PDB file of N, CA and C in Angstrom:
ATOM      1  N   UNK A   1      37.456  26.133  46.262  1.00  0.00           N
ATOM      2  CA  UNK A   1      36.808  27.127  47.088  1.00  0.00           C
ATOM      3  C   UNK A   1      35.371  26.697  47.380  1.00  0.00           C
ATOM      4  N   UNK A   2      34.970  26.762  48.620  1.00  0.00           N
ATOM      5  CA  UNK A   2      33.612  26.389  48.994  1.00  0.00           C
ATOM      6  C   UNK A   2      32.696  27.596  48.880  1.00  0.00           C
ATOM      7  N   UNK A   3      31.583  27.370  48.277  1.00  0.00           N
ATOM      8  CA  UNK A   3      30.613  28.438  48.139  1.00  0.00           C
ATOM      9  C   UNK A   3      29.844  28.585  49.448  1.00  0.00           C
ATOM     10  N   UNK A   4      29.749  29.789  49.932  1.00  0.00           N
ATOM     11  CA  UNK A   4      28.964  30.075  51.134  1.00  0.00           C
ATOM     12  C   UNK A   4      27.541  30.377  50.716  1.00  0.00           C
ATOM     13  N   UNK A   5      26.623  29.564  51.193  1.00  0.00           N
ATOM     14  CA  UNK A   5      25.215  29.759  50.857  1.00  0.00           C
ATOM     15  C   UNK A   5      24.688  31.024  51.527  1.00  0.00           C
ATOM     16  N   UNK A   6      23.750  31.679  50.884  1.00  0.00           N
ATOM     17  CA  UNK A   6      23.119  32.836  51.519  1.00  0.00           C
ATOM     18  C   UNK A   6      22.347  32.390  52.760  1.00  0.00           C
ATOM     19  N   UNK A   7      22.219  33.296  53.710  1.00  0.00           N
ATOM     20  CA  UNK A   7      21.414  33.021  54.898  1.00  0.00           C
ATOM     21  C   UNK A   7      19.932  33.047  54.538  1.00  0.00           C
ATOM     22  N   UNK A   8      19.603  33.894  53.549  1.00  0.00           N
ATOM     23  CA  UNK A   8      18.203  34.044  53.166  1.00  0.00           C
ATOM     24  C   UNK A   8      18.112  34.539  51.729  1.00  0.00           C
ATOM     25  N   UNK A   9      17.112  34.043  51.012  1.00  0.00           N
ATOM     26  CA  UNK A   9      16.770  34.547  49.677  1.00  0.00           C
ATOM     27  C   UNK A   9      15.278  34.839  49.705  1.00  0.00           C
ATOM     28  N   UNK A  10      14.923  36.081  49.358  1.00  0.00           N
ATOM     29  CA  UNK A  10      13.521  36.479  49.376  1.00  0.00           C
ATOM     30  C   UNK A  10      13.151  37.059  48.014  1.00  0.00           C
ATOM     31  N   UNK A  11      12.137  36.471  47.401  1.00  0.00           N
ATOM     32  CA  UNK A  11      11.627  36.961  46.127  1.00  0.00           C
ATOM     33  C   UNK A  11      10.504  37.950  46.403  1.00  0.00           C
ATOM     34  N   UNK A  12      10.685  39.182  45.962  1.00  0.00           N
ATOM     35  CA  UNK A  12       9.650  40.206  46.095  1.00  0.00           C
ATOM     36  C   UNK A  12       9.072  40.424  44.699  1.00  0.00           C
ATOM     37  N   UNK A  13       7.991  39.734  44.399  1.00  0.00           N
ATOM     38  CA  UNK A  13       7.386  39.810  43.059  1.00  0.00           C
ATOM     39  C   UNK A  13       6.907  41.217  42.731  1.00  0.00           C
ATOM     40  N   UNK A  14       6.311  41.891  43.707  1.00  0.00           N
ATOM     41  CA  UNK A  14       5.763  43.240  43.464  1.00  0.00           C
ATOM     42  C   UNK A  14       6.869  44.217  43.082  1.00  0.00           C
ATOM     43  N   UNK A  15       8.001  44.165  43.779  1.00  0.00           N
ATOM     44  CA  UNK A  15       9.123  45.067  43.494  1.00  0.00           C
ATOM     45  C   UNK A  15      10.018  44.522  42.379  1.00  0.00           C
ATOM     46  N   UNK A  16       9.751  43.283  41.960  1.00  0.00           N
ATOM     47  CA  UNK A  16      10.552  42.618  40.926  1.00  0.00           C
ATOM     48  C   UNK A  16      12.030  42.571  41.318  1.00  0.00           C
ATOM     49  N   UNK A  17      12.277  42.123  42.551  1.00  0.00           N
ATOM     50  CA  UNK A  17      13.653  41.994  43.042  1.00  0.00           C
ATOM     51  C   UNK A  17      13.835  40.661  43.748  1.00  0.00           C
ATOM     52  N   UNK A  18      15.087  40.241  43.803  1.00  0.00           N
ATOM     53  CA  UNK A  18      15.488  39.083  44.577  1.00  0.00           C
ATOM     54  C   UNK A  18      16.432  39.606  45.652  1.00  0.00           C
ATOM     55  N   UNK A  19      16.027  39.461  46.898  1.00  0.00           N
ATOM     56  CA  UNK A  19      16.833  39.916  48.026  1.00  0.00           C
ATOM     57  C   UNK A  19      17.698  38.734  48.456  1.00  0.00           C
ATOM     58  N   UNK A  20      19.016  38.899  48.399  1.00  0.00           N
ATOM     59  CA  UNK A  20      19.940  37.832  48.760  1.00  0.00           C
ATOM     60  C   UNK A  20      20.761  38.303  49.950  1.00  0.00           C
ATOM     61  N   UNK A  21      20.651  37.568  51.063  1.00  0.00           N
ATOM     62  CA  UNK A  21      21.348  37.941  52.287  1.00  0.00           C
ATOM     63  C   UNK A  21      22.408  36.907  52.628  1.00  0.00           C
ATOM     64  N   UNK A  22      23.657  37.340  52.578  1.00  0.00           N
ATOM     65  CA  UNK A  22      24.778  36.513  53.009  1.00  0.00           C
ATOM     66  C   UNK A  22      25.127  36.924  54.439  1.00  0.00           C
ATOM     67  N   UNK A  23      26.019  36.188  55.088  1.00  0.00           N
ATOM     68  CA  UNK A  23      26.412  36.506  56.462  1.00  0.00           C
ATOM     69  C   UNK A  23      27.002  37.912  56.561  1.00  0.00           C
ATOM     70  N   UNK A  24      27.688  38.354  55.489  1.00  0.00           N
ATOM     71  CA  UNK A  24      28.415  39.623  55.541  1.00  0.00           C
ATOM     72  C   UNK A  24      27.921  40.685  54.561  1.00  0.00           C
ATOM     73  N   UNK A  25      26.855  40.389  53.811  1.00  0.00           N
ATOM     74  CA  UNK A  25      26.384  41.348  52.810  1.00  0.00           C
ATOM     75  C   UNK A  25      24.951  41.030  52.412  1.00  0.00           C
ATOM     76  N   UNK A  26      24.260  42.069  51.947  1.00  0.00           N
ATOM     77  CA  UNK A  26      22.890  41.890  51.463  1.00  0.00           C
ATOM     78  C   UNK A  26      22.743  42.638  50.148  1.00  0.00           C
ATOM     79  N   UNK A  27      22.084  41.996  49.177  1.00  0.00           N
ATOM     80  CA  UNK A  27      21.907  42.589  47.851  1.00  0.00           C
ATOM     81  C   UNK A  27      20.446  42.508  47.439  1.00  0.00           C
ATOM     82  N   UNK A  28      19.956  43.566  46.835  1.00  0.00           N
ATOM     83  CA  UNK A  28      18.626  43.585  46.253  1.00  0.00           C
ATOM     84  C   UNK A  28      18.834  43.631  44.743  1.00  0.00           C
ATOM     85  N   UNK A  29      18.629  42.505  44.087  1.00  0.00           N
ATOM     86  CA  UNK A  29      18.949  42.380  42.669  1.00  0.00           C
ATOM     87  C   UNK A  29      17.672  42.458  41.827  1.00  0.00           C
ATOM     88  N   UNK A  30      17.578  43.467  40.956  1.00  0.00           N
ATOM     89  CA  UNK A  30      16.392  43.609  40.100  1.00  0.00           C
ATOM     90  C   UNK A  30      16.240  42.435  39.131  1.00  0.00           C
ATOM     91  N   UNK A  31      15.000  42.053  38.858  1.00  0.00           N
ATOM     92  CA  UNK A  31      14.717  40.952  37.942  1.00  0.00           C
ATOM     93  C   UNK A  31      15.339  41.200  36.566  1.00  0.00           C
ATOM     94  N   UNK A  32      15.233  42.422  36.074  1.00  0.00           N
ATOM     95  CA  UNK A  32      15.799  42.746  34.756  1.00  0.00           C
ATOM     96  C   UNK A  32      17.300  42.470  34.731  1.00  0.00           C
ATOM     97  N   UNK A  33      17.992  42.880  35.772  1.00  0.00           N
ATOM     98  CA  UNK A  33      19.443  42.657  35.880  1.00  0.00           C
ATOM     99  C   UNK A  33      19.753  41.166  35.887  1.00  0.00           C
ATOM    100  N   UNK A  34      19.021  40.403  36.696  1.00  0.00           N
ATOM    101  CA  UNK A  34      19.245  38.964  36.767  1.00  0.00           C
ATOM    102  C   UNK A  34      18.950  38.299  35.427  1.00  0.00           C
ATOM    103  N   UNK A  35      17.930  38.789  34.726  1.00  0.00           N
ATOM    104  CA  UNK A  35      17.557  38.196  33.439  1.00  0.00           C
ATOM    105  C   UNK A  35      18.623  38.456  32.379  1.00  0.00           C
ATOM    106  N   UNK A  36      19.109  39.690  32.284  1.00  0.00           N
ATOM    107  CA  UNK A  36      20.075  40.007  31.222  1.00  0.00           C
ATOM    108  C   UNK A  36      21.469  39.460  31.542  1.00  0.00           C
ATOM    109  N   UNK A  37      21.729  39.137  32.804  1.00  0.00           N
ATOM    110  CA  UNK A  37      22.996  38.524  33.194  1.00  0.00           C
ATOM    111  C   UNK A  37      22.807  37.051  33.557  1.00  0.00           C
ATOM    112  N   UNK A  38      21.795  36.423  32.974  1.00  0.00           N
ATOM    113  CA  UNK A  38      21.530  35.011  33.243  1.00  0.00           C
ATOM    114  C   UNK A  38      22.772  34.172  32.917  1.00  0.00           C
ATOM    115  N   UNK A  39      23.086  33.210  33.775  1.00  0.00           N
ATOM    116  CA  UNK A  39      24.235  32.345  33.502  1.00  0.00           C
ATOM    117  C   UNK A  39      23.915  31.236  32.498  1.00  0.00           C
ATOM    118  N   UNK A  40      22.739  31.254  31.900  1.00  0.00           N
ATOM    119  CA  UNK A  40      22.337  30.207  30.956  1.00  0.00           C
ATOM    120  C   UNK A  40      23.174  30.248  29.681  1.00  0.00           C
ATOM    121  N   UNK A  41      23.263  29.112  29.016  1.00  0.00           N
ATOM    122  CA  UNK A  41      23.967  29.041  27.732  1.00  0.00           C
ATOM    123  C   UNK A  41      23.259  29.908  26.695  1.00  0.00           C
ATOM    124  N   UNK A  42      21.944  30.049  26.827  1.00  0.00           N
ATOM    125  CA  UNK A  42      21.158  30.877  25.904  1.00  0.00           C
ATOM    126  C   UNK A  42      21.652  32.328  25.909  1.00  0.00           C
ATOM    127  N   UNK A  43      22.075  32.820  27.073  1.00  0.00           N
ATOM    128  CA  UNK A  43      22.540  34.198  27.196  1.00  0.00           C
ATOM    129  C   UNK A  43      24.059  34.288  27.100  1.00  0.00           C
ATOM    130  N   UNK A  44      24.763  33.424  27.802  1.00  0.00           N
ATOM    131  CA  UNK A  44      26.228  33.499  27.854  1.00  0.00           C
ATOM    132  C   UNK A  44      26.925  32.782  26.705  1.00  0.00           C
ATOM    133  N   UNK A  45      26.224  31.871  26.032  1.00  0.00           N
ATOM    134  CA  UNK A  45      26.841  31.084  24.981  1.00  0.00           C
ATOM    135  C   UNK A  45      27.566  29.887  25.580  1.00  0.00           C
ATOM    136  N   UNK A  46      28.211  29.130  24.710  1.00  0.00           N
ATOM    137  CA  UNK A  46      28.918  27.927  25.158  1.00  0.00           C
ATOM    138  C   UNK A  46      30.415  28.139  25.256  1.00  0.00           C
ATOM    139  N   UNK A  47      30.880  29.303  24.867  1.00  0.00           N
ATOM    140  CA  UNK A  47      32.309  29.583  24.924  1.00  0.00           C
ATOM    141  C   UNK A  47      32.554  31.079  24.888  1.00  0.00           C
ATOM    142  N   UNK A  48      33.823  31.467  24.993  1.00  0.00           N
ATOM    143  CA  UNK A  48      34.168  32.895  24.988  1.00  0.00           C
ATOM    144  C   UNK A  48      33.652  33.603  23.728  1.00  0.00           C
ATOM    145  N   UNK A  49      33.089  34.786  23.926  1.00  0.00           N
ATOM    146  CA  UNK A  49      32.636  35.589  22.799  1.00  0.00           C
ATOM    147  C   UNK A  49      31.298  35.174  22.208  1.00  0.00           C
ATOM    148  N   UNK A  50      30.658  34.162  22.776  1.00  0.00           N
ATOM    149  CA  UNK A  50      29.386  33.690  22.225  1.00  0.00           C
ATOM    150  C   UNK A  50      28.175  34.303  22.919  1.00  0.00           C
ATOM    151  N   UNK A  51      28.387  35.142  23.900  1.00  0.00           N
ATOM    152  CA  UNK A  51      27.278  35.717  24.655  1.00  0.00           C
ATOM    153  C   UNK A  51      26.358  36.550  23.788  1.00  0.00           C
ATOM    154  N   UNK A  52      25.116  36.673  24.219  1.00  0.00           N
ATOM    155  CA  UNK A  52      24.086  37.410  23.504  1.00  0.00           C
ATOM    156  C   UNK A  52      23.697  38.642  24.324  1.00  0.00           C
ATOM    157  N   UNK A  53      23.542  39.771  23.668  1.00  0.00           N
ATOM    158  CA  UNK A  53      23.063  40.979  24.327  1.00  0.00           C
ATOM    159  C   UNK A  53      21.536  40.884  24.403  1.00  0.00           C
ATOM    160  N   UNK A  54      21.018  40.788  25.610  1.00  0.00           N
ATOM    161  CA  UNK A  54      19.576  40.667  25.824  1.00  0.00           C
ATOM    162  C   UNK A  54      19.012  42.069  26.046  1.00  0.00           C
ATOM    163  N   UNK A  55      18.015  42.433  25.245  1.00  0.00           N
ATOM    164  CA  UNK A  55      17.408  43.762  25.383  1.00  0.00           C
ATOM    165  C   UNK A  55      15.907  43.619  25.608  1.00  0.00           C
ATOM    166  N   UNK A  56      15.268  44.728  25.924  1.00  0.00           N
ATOM    167  CA  UNK A  56      13.822  44.755  26.044  1.00  0.00           C
ATOM    168  C   UNK A  56      13.256  44.029  27.251  1.00  0.00           C
ATOM    169  N   UNK A  57      14.011  43.969  28.345  1.00  0.00           N
ATOM    170  CA  UNK A  57      13.557  43.221  29.526  1.00  0.00           C
ATOM    171  C   UNK A  57      13.199  44.122  30.705  1.00  0.00           C
ATOM    172  N   UNK A  58      12.941  45.396  30.439  1.00  0.00           N
ATOM    173  CA  UNK A  58      12.639  46.366  31.496  1.00  0.00           C
ATOM    174  C   UNK A  58      11.499  45.917  32.418  1.00  0.00           C
ATOM    175  N   UNK A  59      10.500  45.247  31.877  1.00  0.00           N
ATOM    176  CA  UNK A  59       9.313  44.900  32.650  1.00  0.00           C
ATOM    177  C   UNK A  59       9.289  43.447  33.125  1.00  0.00           C
ATOM    178  N   UNK A  60      10.360  42.708  32.896  1.00  0.00           N
ATOM    179  CA  UNK A  60      10.381  41.292  33.257  1.00  0.00           C
ATOM    180  C   UNK A  60      10.296  41.115  34.775  1.00  0.00           C
ATOM    181  N   UNK A  61       9.630  40.045  35.160  1.00  0.00           N
ATOM    182  CA  UNK A  61       9.530  39.707  36.580  1.00  0.00           C
ATOM    183  C   UNK A  61       9.994  38.277  36.790  1.00  0.00           C
ATOM    184  N   UNK A  62      10.115  37.902  38.044  1.00  0.00           N
ATOM    185  CA  UNK A  62      10.492  36.534  38.392  1.00  0.00           C
ATOM    186  C   UNK A  62       9.240  35.842  38.920  1.00  0.00           C
ATOM    187  N   UNK A  63       8.842  34.750  38.261  1.00  0.00           N
ATOM    188  CA  UNK A  63       7.659  34.010  38.706  1.00  0.00           C
ATOM    189  C   UNK A  63       7.957  33.240  39.980  1.00  0.00           C
ATOM    190  N   UNK A  64       9.064  32.509  39.973  1.00  0.00           N
ATOM    191  CA  UNK A  64       9.465  31.812  41.189  1.00  0.00           C
ATOM    192  C   UNK A  64      10.939  31.424  41.147  1.00  0.00           C
ATOM    193  N   UNK A  65      11.421  31.099  42.333  1.00  0.00           N
ATOM    194  CA  UNK A  65      12.818  30.663  42.502  1.00  0.00           C
ATOM    195  C   UNK A  65      12.777  29.307  43.177  1.00  0.00           C
ATOM    196  N   UNK A  66      13.635  28.406  42.719  1.00  0.00           N
ATOM    197  CA  UNK A  66      13.672  27.082  43.341  1.00  0.00           C
ATOM    198  C   UNK A  66      15.115  26.644  43.545  1.00  0.00           C
ATOM    199  N   UNK A  67      15.321  25.917  44.623  1.00  0.00           N
ATOM    200  CA  UNK A  67      16.667  25.433  44.944  1.00  0.00           C
ATOM    201  C   UNK A  67      17.150  24.498  43.841  1.00  0.00           C
ATOM    202  N   UNK A  68      18.441  24.592  43.575  1.00  0.00           N
ATOM    203  CA  UNK A  68      19.088  23.683  42.638  1.00  0.00           C
ATOM    204  C   UNK A  68      20.245  23.054  43.407  1.00  0.00           C
ATOM    205  N   UNK A  69      19.979  21.935  44.013  1.00  0.00           N
ATOM    206  CA  UNK A  69      20.973  21.317  44.893  1.00  0.00           C
ATOM    207  C   UNK A  69      21.207  22.215  46.097  1.00  0.00           C
ATOM    208  N   UNK A  70      22.418  22.165  46.628  1.00  0.00           N
ATOM    209  CA  UNK A  70      22.779  22.998  47.782  1.00  0.00           C
ATOM    210  C   UNK A  70      23.711  24.139  47.383  1.00  0.00           C
ATOM    211  N   UNK A  71      23.785  24.390  46.091  1.00  0.00           N
ATOM    212  CA  UNK A  71      24.782  25.341  45.602  1.00  0.00           C
ATOM    213  C   UNK A  71      24.212  26.496  44.794  1.00  0.00           C
ATOM    214  N   UNK A  72      22.910  26.466  44.487  1.00  0.00           N
ATOM    215  CA  UNK A  72      22.384  27.455  43.545  1.00  0.00           C
ATOM    216  C   UNK A  72      20.871  27.559  43.639  1.00  0.00           C
ATOM    217  N   UNK A  73      20.348  28.539  42.881  1.00  0.00           N
ATOM    218  CA  UNK A  73      18.912  28.715  42.742  1.00  0.00           C
ATOM    219  C   UNK A  73      18.611  28.871  41.252  1.00  0.00           C
ATOM    220  N   UNK A  74      17.496  28.273  40.831  1.00  0.00           N
ATOM    221  CA  UNK A  74      17.046  28.421  39.445  1.00  0.00           C
ATOM    222  C   UNK A  74      15.905  29.418  39.457  1.00  0.00           C
ATOM    223  N   UNK A  75      16.020  30.436  38.611  1.00  0.00           N
ATOM    224  CA  UNK A  75      14.994  31.463  38.531  1.00  0.00           C
ATOM    225  C   UNK A  75      14.132  31.239  37.297  1.00  0.00           C
ATOM    226  N   UNK A  76      12.821  31.380  37.487  1.00  0.00           N
ATOM    227  CA  UNK A  76      11.878  31.268  36.382  1.00  0.00           C
ATOM    228  C   UNK A  76      11.282  32.661  36.169  1.00  0.00           C
ATOM    229  N   UNK A  77      11.546  33.221  34.999  1.00  0.00           N
ATOM    230  CA  UNK A  77      11.100  34.573  34.672  1.00  0.00           C
ATOM    231  C   UNK A  77       9.766  34.526  33.945  1.00  0.00           C
ATOM    232  N   UNK A  78       9.019  35.617  34.024  1.00  0.00           N
ATOM    233  CA  UNK A  78       7.693  35.638  33.405  1.00  0.00           C
ATOM    234  C   UNK A  78       7.726  35.777  31.877  1.00  0.00           C
ATOM    235  N   UNK A  79       8.928  35.884  31.304  1.00  0.00           N
ATOM    236  CA  UNK A  79       9.035  35.868  29.832  1.00  0.00           C
ATOM    237  C   UNK A  79       9.327  34.460  29.313  1.00  0.00           C
ATOM    238  N   UNK A  80       9.289  33.469  30.225  1.00  0.00           N
ATOM    239  CA  UNK A  80       9.508  32.085  29.830  1.00  0.00           C
ATOM    240  C   UNK A  80      10.931  31.593  30.037  1.00  0.00           C
ATOM    241  N   UNK A  81      11.870  32.480  30.292  1.00  0.00           N
ATOM    242  CA  UNK A  81      13.264  32.062  30.496  1.00  0.00           C
ATOM    243  C   UNK A  81      13.366  31.340  31.833  1.00  0.00           C
ATOM    244  N   UNK A  82      13.912  30.107  31.801  1.00  0.00           N
ATOM    245  CA  UNK A  82      13.990  29.331  33.037  1.00  0.00           C
ATOM    246  C   UNK A  82      15.215  28.430  33.111  1.00  0.00           C
ATOM    247  N   UNK A  83      16.226  28.724  32.303  1.00  0.00           N
ATOM    248  CA  UNK A  83      17.389  27.826  32.260  1.00  0.00           C
ATOM    249  C   UNK A  83      18.617  28.358  32.993  1.00  0.00           C
ATOM    250  N   UNK A  84      18.490  29.481  33.677  1.00  0.00           N
ATOM    251  CA  UNK A  84      19.636  30.032  34.401  1.00  0.00           C
ATOM    252  C   UNK A  84      19.748  29.452  35.802  1.00  0.00           C
ATOM    253  N   UNK A  85      20.886  28.853  36.104  1.00  0.00           N
ATOM    254  CA  UNK A  85      21.174  28.339  37.441  1.00  0.00           C
ATOM    255  C   UNK A  85      22.183  29.310  38.069  1.00  0.00           C
ATOM    256  N   UNK A  86      21.732  30.045  39.075  1.00  0.00           N
ATOM    257  CA  UNK A  86      22.532  31.087  39.716  1.00  0.00           C
ATOM    258  C   UNK A  86      23.205  30.512  40.955  1.00  0.00           C
ATOM    259  N   UNK A  87      24.509  30.247  40.861  1.00  0.00           N
ATOM    260  CA  UNK A  87      25.231  29.715  42.018  1.00  0.00           C
ATOM    261  C   UNK A  87      25.348  30.796  43.078  1.00  0.00           C
ATOM    262  N   UNK A  88      25.638  30.378  44.310  1.00  0.00           N
ATOM    263  CA  UNK A  88      25.808  31.353  45.391  1.00  0.00           C
ATOM    264  C   UNK A  88      26.924  32.329  45.047  1.00  0.00           C
ATOM    265  N   UNK A  89      28.022  31.829  44.493  1.00  0.00           N
ATOM    266  CA  UNK A  89      29.139  32.705  44.117  1.00  0.00           C
ATOM    267  C   UNK A  89      28.726  33.701  43.038  1.00  0.00           C
ATOM    268  N   UNK A  90      27.930  33.238  42.065  1.00  0.00           N
ATOM    269  CA  UNK A  90      27.513  34.130  40.992  1.00  0.00           C
ATOM    270  C   UNK A  90      26.561  35.205  41.522  1.00  0.00           C
ATOM    271  N   UNK A  91      25.649  34.837  42.429  1.00  0.00           N
ATOM    272  CA  UNK A  91      24.764  35.839  43.028  1.00  0.00           C
ATOM    273  C   UNK A  91      25.566  36.885  43.794  1.00  0.00           C
ATOM    274  N   UNK A  92      26.596  36.434  44.521  1.00  0.00           N
ATOM    275  CA  UNK A  92      27.441  37.382  45.254  1.00  0.00           C
ATOM    276  C   UNK A  92      28.172  38.297  44.273  1.00  0.00           C
ATOM    277  N   UNK A  93      28.711  37.699  43.210  1.00  0.00           N
ATOM    278  CA  UNK A  93      29.419  38.489  42.186  1.00  0.00           C
ATOM    279  C   UNK A  93      28.488  39.526  41.554  1.00  0.00           C
ATOM    280  N   UNK A  94      27.260  39.121  41.235  1.00  0.00           N
ATOM    281  CA  UNK A  94      26.297  40.055  40.656  1.00  0.00           C
ATOM    282  C   UNK A  94      25.990  41.189  41.628  1.00  0.00           C
ATOM    283  N   UNK A  95      25.876  40.859  42.905  1.00  0.00           N
ATOM    284  CA  UNK A  95      25.614  41.890  43.912  1.00  0.00           C
ATOM    285  C   UNK A  95      26.782  42.841  44.085  1.00  0.00           C
ATOM    286  N   UNK A  96      27.973  42.281  44.206  1.00  0.00           N
ATOM    287  CA  UNK A  96      29.171  43.101  44.428  1.00  0.00           C
ATOM    288  C   UNK A  96      29.479  44.006  43.250  1.00  0.00           C
ATOM    289  N   UNK A  97      29.176  43.538  42.046  1.00  0.00           N
ATOM    290  CA  UNK A  97      29.553  44.262  40.830  1.00  0.00           C
ATOM    291  C   UNK A  97      28.372  44.903  40.113  1.00  0.00           C
ATOM    292  N   UNK A  98      27.272  45.101  40.841  1.00  0.00           N
ATOM    293  CA  UNK A  98      26.053  45.605  40.210  1.00  0.00           C
ATOM    294  C   UNK A  98      26.281  46.888  39.411  1.00  0.00           C
ATOM    295  N   UNK A  99      26.842  47.902  40.029  1.00  0.00           N
ATOM    296  CA  UNK A  99      26.967  49.209  39.368  1.00  0.00           C
ATOM    297  C   UNK A  99      27.790  49.124  38.087  1.00  0.00           C
ATOM    298  N   UNK A 100      28.951  48.502  38.149  1.00  0.00           N
ATOM    299  CA  UNK A 100      29.801  48.364  36.962  1.00  0.00           C
ATOM    300  C   UNK A 100      29.147  47.516  35.886  1.00  0.00           C
ATOM    301  N   UNK A 101      28.562  46.380  36.288  1.00  0.00           N
ATOM    302  CA  UNK A 101      27.886  45.505  35.321  1.00  0.00           C
ATOM    303  C   UNK A 101      26.743  46.240  34.634  1.00  0.00           C
ATOM    304  N   UNK A 102      25.935  46.946  35.429  1.00  0.00           N
ATOM    305  CA  UNK A 102      24.764  47.630  34.880  1.00  0.00           C
ATOM    306  C   UNK A 102      25.183  48.741  33.923  1.00  0.00           C
ATOM    307  N   UNK A 103      26.176  49.532  34.307  1.00  0.00           N
ATOM    308  CA  UNK A 103      26.649  50.608  33.425  1.00  0.00           C
ATOM    309  C   UNK A 103      27.227  50.045  32.132  1.00  0.00           C
ATOM    310  N   UNK A 104      27.983  48.949  32.210  1.00  0.00           N
ATOM    311  CA  UNK A 104      28.522  48.306  31.010  1.00  0.00           C
ATOM    312  C   UNK A 104      27.383  47.811  30.111  1.00  0.00           C
ATOM    313  N   UNK A 105      26.375  47.219  30.730  1.00  0.00           N
ATOM    314  CA  UNK A 105      25.226  46.709  29.984  1.00  0.00           C
ATOM    315  C   UNK A 105      24.512  47.852  29.244  1.00  0.00           C
ATOM    316  N   UNK A 106      24.266  48.952  29.951  1.00  0.00           N
ATOM    317  CA  UNK A 106      23.597  50.097  29.318  1.00  0.00           C
ATOM    318  C   UNK A 106      24.413  50.648  28.155  1.00  0.00           C
ATOM    319  N   UNK A 107      25.721  50.669  28.299  1.00  0.00           N
ATOM    320  CA  UNK A 107      26.595  51.138  27.224  1.00  0.00           C
ATOM    321  C   UNK A 107      26.556  50.179  26.032  1.00  0.00           C
ATOM    322  N   UNK A 108      26.544  48.877  26.295  1.00  0.00           N
ATOM    323  CA  UNK A 108      26.456  47.886  25.216  1.00  0.00           C
ATOM    324  C   UNK A 108      25.125  48.033  24.469  1.00  0.00           C
ATOM    325  N   UNK A 109      24.049  48.259  25.209  1.00  0.00           N
ATOM    326  CA  UNK A 109      22.745  48.493  24.559  1.00  0.00           C
ATOM    327  C   UNK A 109      22.811  49.720  23.665  1.00  0.00           C
ATOM    328  N   UNK A 110      23.378  50.803  24.197  1.00  0.00           N
ATOM    329  CA  UNK A 110      23.467  52.057  23.442  1.00  0.00           C
ATOM    330  C   UNK A 110      24.240  51.845  22.147  1.00  0.00           C
ATOM    331  N   UNK A 111      25.394  51.191  22.241  1.00  0.00           N
ATOM    332  CA  UNK A 111      26.219  50.950  21.045  1.00  0.00           C
ATOM    333  C   UNK A 111      25.492  50.077  20.021  1.00  0.00           C
ATOM    334  N   UNK A 112      24.649  49.172  20.505  1.00  0.00           N
ATOM    335  CA  UNK A 112      23.925  48.268  19.604  1.00  0.00           C
ATOM    336  C   UNK A 112      22.628  48.892  19.085  1.00  0.00           C
ATOM    337  N   UNK A 113      22.299  50.097  19.560  1.00  0.00           N
ATOM    338  CA  UNK A 113      21.063  50.741  19.141  1.00  0.00           C
ATOM    339  C   UNK A 113      19.825  50.050  19.682  1.00  0.00           C
ATOM    340  N   UNK A 114      19.972  49.402  20.840  1.00  0.00           N
ATOM    341  CA  UNK A 114      18.862  48.690  21.460  1.00  0.00           C
ATOM    342  C   UNK A 114      18.508  49.357  22.784  1.00  0.00           C
ATOM    343  N   UNK A 115      17.408  48.924  23.381  1.00  0.00           N
ATOM    344  CA  UNK A 115      16.977  49.541  24.622  1.00  0.00           C
ATOM    345  C   UNK A 115      16.431  48.552  25.624  1.00  0.00           C
ATOM    346  N   UNK A 116      16.121  49.073  26.789  1.00  0.00           N
ATOM    347  CA  UNK A 116      15.576  48.253  27.872  1.00  0.00           C
ATOM    348  C   UNK A 116      14.091  47.984  27.685  1.00  0.00           C
ATOM    349  N   UNK A 117      13.380  48.944  27.117  1.00  0.00           N
ATOM    350  CA  UNK A 117      11.943  48.815  26.929  1.00  0.00           C
ATOM    351  C   UNK A 117      11.680  47.917  25.714  1.00  0.00           C
ATOM    352  N   UNK A 118      10.814  46.906  25.849  1.00  0.00           N
ATOM    353  CA  UNK A 118      10.569  46.006  24.708  1.00  0.00           C
ATOM    354  C   UNK A 118      10.011  46.733  23.483  1.00  0.00           C
ATOM    355  N   UNK A 119       9.175  47.754  23.704  1.00  0.00           N
ATOM    356  CA  UNK A 119       8.630  48.508  22.575  1.00  0.00           C
ATOM    357  C   UNK A 119       9.713  49.320  21.890  1.00  0.00           C
ATOM    358  N   UNK A 120      10.591  49.894  22.697  1.00  0.00           N
ATOM    359  CA  UNK A 120      11.711  50.701  22.186  1.00  0.00           C
ATOM    360  C   UNK A 120      12.687  49.848  21.382  1.00  0.00           C
ATOM    361  N   UNK A 121      12.907  48.608  21.845  1.00  0.00           N
ATOM    362  CA  UNK A 121      13.855  47.714  21.183  1.00  0.00           C
ATOM    363  C   UNK A 121      13.362  47.260  19.812  1.00  0.00           C
ATOM    364  N   UNK A 122      12.042  47.262  19.641  1.00  0.00           N
ATOM    365  CA  UNK A 122      11.473  46.815  18.381  1.00  0.00           C
ATOM    366  C   UNK A 122      11.600  47.860  17.288  1.00  0.00           C
ATOM    367  N   UNK A 123      11.835  49.104  17.684  1.00  0.00           N
ATOM    368  CA  UNK A 123      11.912  50.199  16.728  1.00  0.00           C
ATOM    369  C   UNK A 123      13.370  50.454  16.343  1.00  0.00           C
ATOM    370  N   UNK A 124      13.644  50.455  15.071  1.00  0.00           N
ATOM    371  CA  UNK A 124      14.988  50.744  14.583  1.00  0.00           C
ATOM    372  C   UNK A 124      14.933  52.037  13.783  1.00  0.00           C
ATOM    373  N   UNK A 125      15.752  52.986  14.175  1.00  0.00           N
ATOM    374  CA  UNK A 125      15.790  54.255  13.463  1.00  0.00           C
ATOM    375  C   UNK A 125      16.905  54.217  12.432  1.00  0.00           C
ATOM    376  N   UNK A 126      16.572  54.668  11.247  1.00  0.00           N
ATOM    377  CA  UNK A 126      17.545  54.701  10.166  1.00  0.00           C
ATOM    378  C   UNK A 126      17.781  56.161   9.796  1.00  0.00           C
ATOM    379  N   UNK A 127      19.065  56.500   9.652  1.00  0.00           N
ATOM    380  CA  UNK A 127      19.325  57.867   9.240  1.00  0.00           C
ATOM    381  C   UNK A 127      20.425  58.520   9.965  1.00  0.00           C
TER     382      UNK A 127
END
């Protein structure tokens, strides 16, 4: 299957979003969402079941985006994370499945007793 490149990718640092425009769809993807769903081995692991639940990224931003060949973009986040290579297909998948992915992520955080806010994630309540 050939990956269809987006017509345009626009990084809005102030809004902390990546606007991805394909021929047939447009997605505004929040930096926090892109960070916690990074395709990097650091987040996804090297095999099934090895993924890591990333918390405390509510305020993360994207410093810059750079082309990675003709098939993807590498995002550099202001928390130092820079190893995620987002293919065109993966960006489309993230856009198409935003609501379900985000709700699943919030539920996983809740079950783990973690949160989106970095200060909140540092606090563990016992009792």
